[in-house]
Amino acid sequence: MFRTNPSREFQPETVNIEDLVPQDHLLRKINETIDFSFIAEKCRPLYCQDNGRPCIDPVMLFKMLLIGYLYGIRSERRLIEEIRV
């Protein structure tokens, strides 16, 4: 007999990102090897400290561009889709 449990449909599921990405993944190796903190210090003078909206983290933007370059993604929309995965 086929049965479904509708109450189980909306139960939260805990997912650990560390389990989703393999330990030998290229991006893990890059992140362990390169310290990207210098990017924030280089970009700090380019942003106003007391006016305007909060910026997107420059380190995150640089990493996104690096991923696009490494994987040959030329479209920004496609890059956003790939990063979500």
N, C-alpha and C. Protein backbone atom coordinates (compact mmCIF):
# COMPACT_ATOMS: atom_id res chain seq x y z
N MET A 1 0.85 -1.17 0.00
CA MET A 1 0.00 0.00 0.00
C MET A 1 0.89 1.24 0.00
N PHE A 2 0.59 2.18 -0.88
CA PHE A 2 1.36 3.42 -1.01
C PHE A 2 0.82 4.46 -0.05
N ARG A 3 1.73 5.03 0.76
CA ARG A 3 1.33 6.09 1.70
C ARG A 3 2.36 7.20 1.66
N THR A 4 1.90 8.38 1.91
CA THR A 4 2.81 9.52 2.06
C THR A 4 2.60 10.13 3.42
N ASN A 5 3.61 10.84 3.87
CA ASN A 5 3.54 11.49 5.16
C ASN A 5 3.65 13.00 4.93
N PRO A 6 2.51 13.69 4.78
CA PRO A 6 2.54 15.11 4.45
C PRO A 6 3.17 15.97 5.55
N SER A 7 3.10 15.54 6.79
CA SER A 7 3.67 16.34 7.87
C SER A 7 5.20 16.35 7.79
N ARG A 8 5.80 15.37 7.18
CA ARG A 8 7.25 15.28 7.05
C ARG A 8 7.77 16.18 5.94
N GLU A 9 6.89 16.64 5.11
CA GLU A 9 7.25 17.43 3.96
C GLU A 9 7.96 18.74 4.33
N PHE A 10 7.60 19.35 5.43
CA PHE A 10 8.12 20.66 5.79
C PHE A 10 9.07 20.61 6.98
N GLN A 11 9.60 19.46 7.30
CA GLN A 11 10.53 19.36 8.40
C GLN A 11 11.91 19.83 7.94
N PRO A 12 12.59 20.59 8.79
CA PRO A 12 13.92 21.08 8.40
C PRO A 12 14.93 19.94 8.32
N GLU A 13 15.88 20.13 7.43
CA GLU A 13 16.93 19.14 7.27
C GLU A 13 18.27 19.84 7.47
N THR A 14 19.12 19.29 8.28
CA THR A 14 20.43 19.87 8.54
C THR A 14 21.42 19.37 7.51
N VAL A 15 22.08 20.32 6.85
CA VAL A 15 23.06 19.98 5.83
C VAL A 15 24.38 20.65 6.20
N ASN A 16 25.44 19.90 6.18
CA ASN A 16 26.76 20.43 6.46
C ASN A 16 27.49 20.65 5.15
N ILE A 17 27.89 21.88 4.88
CA ILE A 17 28.55 22.21 3.62
C ILE A 17 29.85 21.42 3.47
N GLU A 18 30.52 21.17 4.57
CA GLU A 18 31.78 20.41 4.52
C GLU A 18 31.56 19.02 3.92
N ASP A 19 30.39 18.45 4.13
CA ASP A 19 30.09 17.13 3.58
C ASP A 19 29.75 17.17 2.09
N LEU A 20 29.33 18.32 1.59
CA LEU A 20 28.92 18.43 0.19
C LEU A 20 30.10 18.60 -0.76
N VAL A 21 31.16 19.24 -0.29
CA VAL A 21 32.32 19.51 -1.14
C VAL A 21 33.42 18.51 -0.81
N PRO A 22 33.91 17.77 -1.79
CA PRO A 22 34.97 16.79 -1.53
C PRO A 22 36.23 17.45 -0.96
N GLN A 23 36.95 16.71 -0.14
CA GLN A 23 38.16 17.24 0.50
C GLN A 23 39.26 17.58 -0.50
N ASP A 24 39.30 16.90 -1.64
CA ASP A 24 40.35 17.15 -2.62
C ASP A 24 39.90 18.09 -3.75
N HIS A 25 38.83 18.84 -3.54
CA HIS A 25 38.30 19.76 -4.55
C HIS A 25 39.30 20.90 -4.79
N LEU A 26 39.41 21.33 -6.03
CA LEU A 26 40.34 22.38 -6.41
C LEU A 26 40.14 23.66 -5.60
N LEU A 27 38.89 24.06 -5.41
CA LEU A 27 38.63 25.31 -4.70
C LEU A 27 39.01 25.22 -3.23
N ARG A 28 38.91 24.06 -2.62
CA ARG A 28 39.38 23.88 -1.25
C ARG A 28 40.89 24.09 -1.18
N LYS A 29 41.61 23.53 -2.15
CA LYS A 29 43.07 23.66 -2.18
C LYS A 29 43.48 25.11 -2.36
N ILE A 30 42.78 25.83 -3.23
CA ILE A 30 43.08 27.24 -3.45
C ILE A 30 42.83 28.04 -2.18
N ASN A 31 41.71 27.77 -1.54
CA ASN A 31 41.36 28.51 -0.32
C ASN A 31 42.36 28.24 0.81
N GLU A 32 42.89 27.03 0.88
CA GLU A 32 43.88 26.70 1.91
C GLU A 32 45.25 27.31 1.60
N THR A 33 45.55 27.48 0.32
CA THR A 33 46.88 27.94 -0.09
C THR A 33 47.00 29.46 -0.12
N ILE A 34 45.97 30.14 -0.58
CA ILE A 34 46.04 31.59 -0.78
C ILE A 34 45.29 32.32 0.33
N ASP A 35 45.96 33.32 0.90
CA ASP A 35 45.32 34.18 1.88
C ASP A 35 44.76 35.39 1.14
N PHE A 36 43.45 35.46 1.01
CA PHE A 36 42.80 36.51 0.24
C PHE A 36 42.57 37.80 1.04
N SER A 37 43.01 37.87 2.27
CA SER A 37 42.72 39.03 3.12
C SER A 37 43.36 40.31 2.60
N PHE A 38 44.42 40.20 1.80
CA PHE A 38 45.07 41.39 1.27
C PHE A 38 44.14 42.20 0.36
N ILE A 39 43.17 41.53 -0.23
CA ILE A 39 42.25 42.21 -1.16
C ILE A 39 41.42 43.25 -0.43
N ALA A 40 40.93 42.91 0.75
CA ALA A 40 40.12 43.85 1.52
C ALA A 40 40.93 45.10 1.86
N GLU A 41 42.19 44.94 2.25
CA GLU A 41 43.03 46.08 2.60
C GLU A 41 43.35 46.94 1.38
N LYS A 42 43.54 46.31 0.24
CA LYS A 42 43.80 47.07 -1.00
C LYS A 42 42.58 47.87 -1.44
N CYS A 43 41.38 47.35 -1.18
CA CYS A 43 40.14 47.99 -1.64
C CYS A 43 39.59 49.01 -0.63
N ARG A 44 39.99 48.93 0.61
CA ARG A 44 39.44 49.79 1.66
C ARG A 44 39.46 51.28 1.30
N PRO A 45 40.56 51.84 0.75
CA PRO A 45 40.57 53.27 0.43
C PRO A 45 39.60 53.66 -0.70
N LEU A 46 39.13 52.68 -1.44
CA LEU A 46 38.24 52.97 -2.57
C LEU A 46 36.79 53.14 -2.15
N TYR A 47 36.46 52.84 -0.90
CA TYR A 47 35.10 52.91 -0.40
C TYR A 47 34.97 54.02 0.63
N CYS A 48 33.83 54.70 0.61
CA CYS A 48 33.55 55.75 1.58
C CYS A 48 33.21 55.10 2.93
N GLN A 49 33.77 55.62 4.01
CA GLN A 49 33.57 55.03 5.33
C GLN A 49 32.26 55.45 5.98
N ASP A 50 31.71 56.61 5.61
CA ASP A 50 30.54 57.11 6.33
C ASP A 50 29.36 57.50 5.45
N ASN A 51 29.36 57.08 4.20
CA ASN A 51 28.29 57.47 3.30
C ASN A 51 28.01 56.33 2.32
N GLY A 52 26.76 56.18 1.95
CA GLY A 52 26.40 55.18 0.95
C GLY A 52 25.95 53.87 1.56
N ARG A 53 25.60 52.94 0.69
CA ARG A 53 25.14 51.63 1.14
C ARG A 53 26.33 50.73 1.45
N PRO A 54 26.09 49.71 2.26
CA PRO A 54 27.18 48.76 2.52
C PRO A 54 27.61 48.06 1.23
N CYS A 55 28.89 47.81 1.12
CA CYS A 55 29.41 47.20 -0.11
C CYS A 55 29.31 45.67 -0.03
N ILE A 56 29.42 45.07 -1.19
CA ILE A 56 29.59 43.63 -1.26
C ILE A 56 31.06 43.37 -0.94
N ASP A 57 31.32 42.33 -0.19
CA ASP A 57 32.68 42.02 0.22
C ASP A 57 33.59 41.88 -1.00
N PRO A 58 34.64 42.72 -1.12
CA PRO A 58 35.54 42.64 -2.27
C PRO A 58 36.23 41.28 -2.40
N VAL A 59 36.50 40.63 -1.28
CA VAL A 59 37.12 39.31 -1.32
C VAL A 59 36.18 38.32 -2.01
N MET A 60 34.89 38.41 -1.67
CA MET A 60 33.90 37.53 -2.29
C MET A 60 33.81 37.79 -3.80
N LEU A 61 33.81 39.06 -4.19
CA LEU A 61 33.76 39.39 -5.62
C LEU A 61 34.99 38.84 -6.35
N PHE A 62 36.16 38.98 -5.74
CA PHE A 62 37.38 38.47 -6.36
C PHE A 62 37.33 36.95 -6.51
N LYS A 63 36.85 36.27 -5.47
CA LYS A 63 36.73 34.82 -5.54
C LYS A 63 35.75 34.39 -6.63
N MET A 64 34.67 35.15 -6.78
CA MET A 64 33.70 34.84 -7.82
C MET A 64 34.34 34.96 -9.20
N LEU A 65 35.10 36.02 -9.42
CA LEU A 65 35.78 36.20 -10.70
C LEU A 65 36.81 35.11 -10.94
N LEU A 66 37.51 34.71 -9.90
CA LEU A 66 38.49 33.64 -10.02
C LEU A 66 37.82 32.33 -10.42
N ILE A 67 36.69 32.02 -9.81
CA ILE A 67 35.94 30.82 -10.16
C ILE A 67 35.49 30.88 -11.63
N GLY A 68 35.00 32.05 -12.04
CA GLY A 68 34.59 32.22 -13.43
C GLY A 68 35.74 32.00 -14.38
N TYR A 69 36.92 32.49 -14.02
CA TYR A 69 38.09 32.31 -14.88
C TYR A 69 38.53 30.84 -14.92
N LEU A 70 38.59 30.21 -13.75
CA LEU A 70 39.07 28.83 -13.68
C LEU A 70 38.16 27.86 -14.43
N TYR A 71 36.85 28.11 -14.38
CA TYR A 71 35.90 27.20 -15.00
C TYR A 71 35.40 27.68 -16.36
N GLY A 72 35.97 28.77 -16.86
CA GLY A 72 35.62 29.25 -18.19
C GLY A 72 34.19 29.77 -18.29
N ILE A 73 33.69 30.34 -17.22
CA ILE A 73 32.31 30.88 -17.21
C ILE A 73 32.40 32.35 -17.61
N ARG A 74 31.80 32.69 -18.72
CA ARG A 74 31.91 34.05 -19.24
C ARG A 74 30.71 34.91 -18.89
N SER A 75 29.59 34.31 -18.56
CA SER A 75 28.38 35.05 -18.25
C SER A 75 28.24 35.24 -16.74
N GLU A 76 27.93 36.45 -16.31
CA GLU A 76 27.74 36.71 -14.88
C GLU A 76 26.54 35.93 -14.33
N ARG A 77 25.49 35.84 -15.10
CA ARG A 77 24.32 35.08 -14.65
C ARG A 77 24.65 33.61 -14.46
N ARG A 78 25.38 33.06 -15.40
CA ARG A 78 25.80 31.66 -15.30
C ARG A 78 26.73 31.46 -14.11
N LEU A 79 27.59 32.42 -13.87
CA LEU A 79 28.50 32.35 -12.74
C LEU A 79 27.74 32.31 -11.42
N ILE A 80 26.72 33.13 -11.28
CA ILE A 80 25.90 33.15 -10.07
C ILE A 80 25.21 31.79 -9.89
N GLU A 81 24.69 31.23 -10.98
CA GLU A 81 24.05 29.91 -10.91
C GLU A 81 25.04 28.84 -10.45
N GLU A 82 26.25 28.87 -11.00
CA GLU A 82 27.27 27.88 -10.63
C GLU A 82 27.70 28.03 -9.18
N ILE A 83 27.83 29.25 -8.72
CA ILE A 83 28.26 29.49 -7.34
C ILE A 83 27.20 29.00 -6.36
N ARG A 84 25.95 29.12 -6.70
CA ARG A 84 24.88 28.62 -5.82
C ARG A 84 24.97 27.11 -5.65
N VAL A 85 25.40 26.42 -6.71
CA VAL A 85 25.54 24.97 -6.63
C VAL A 85 26.70 24.63 -5.74
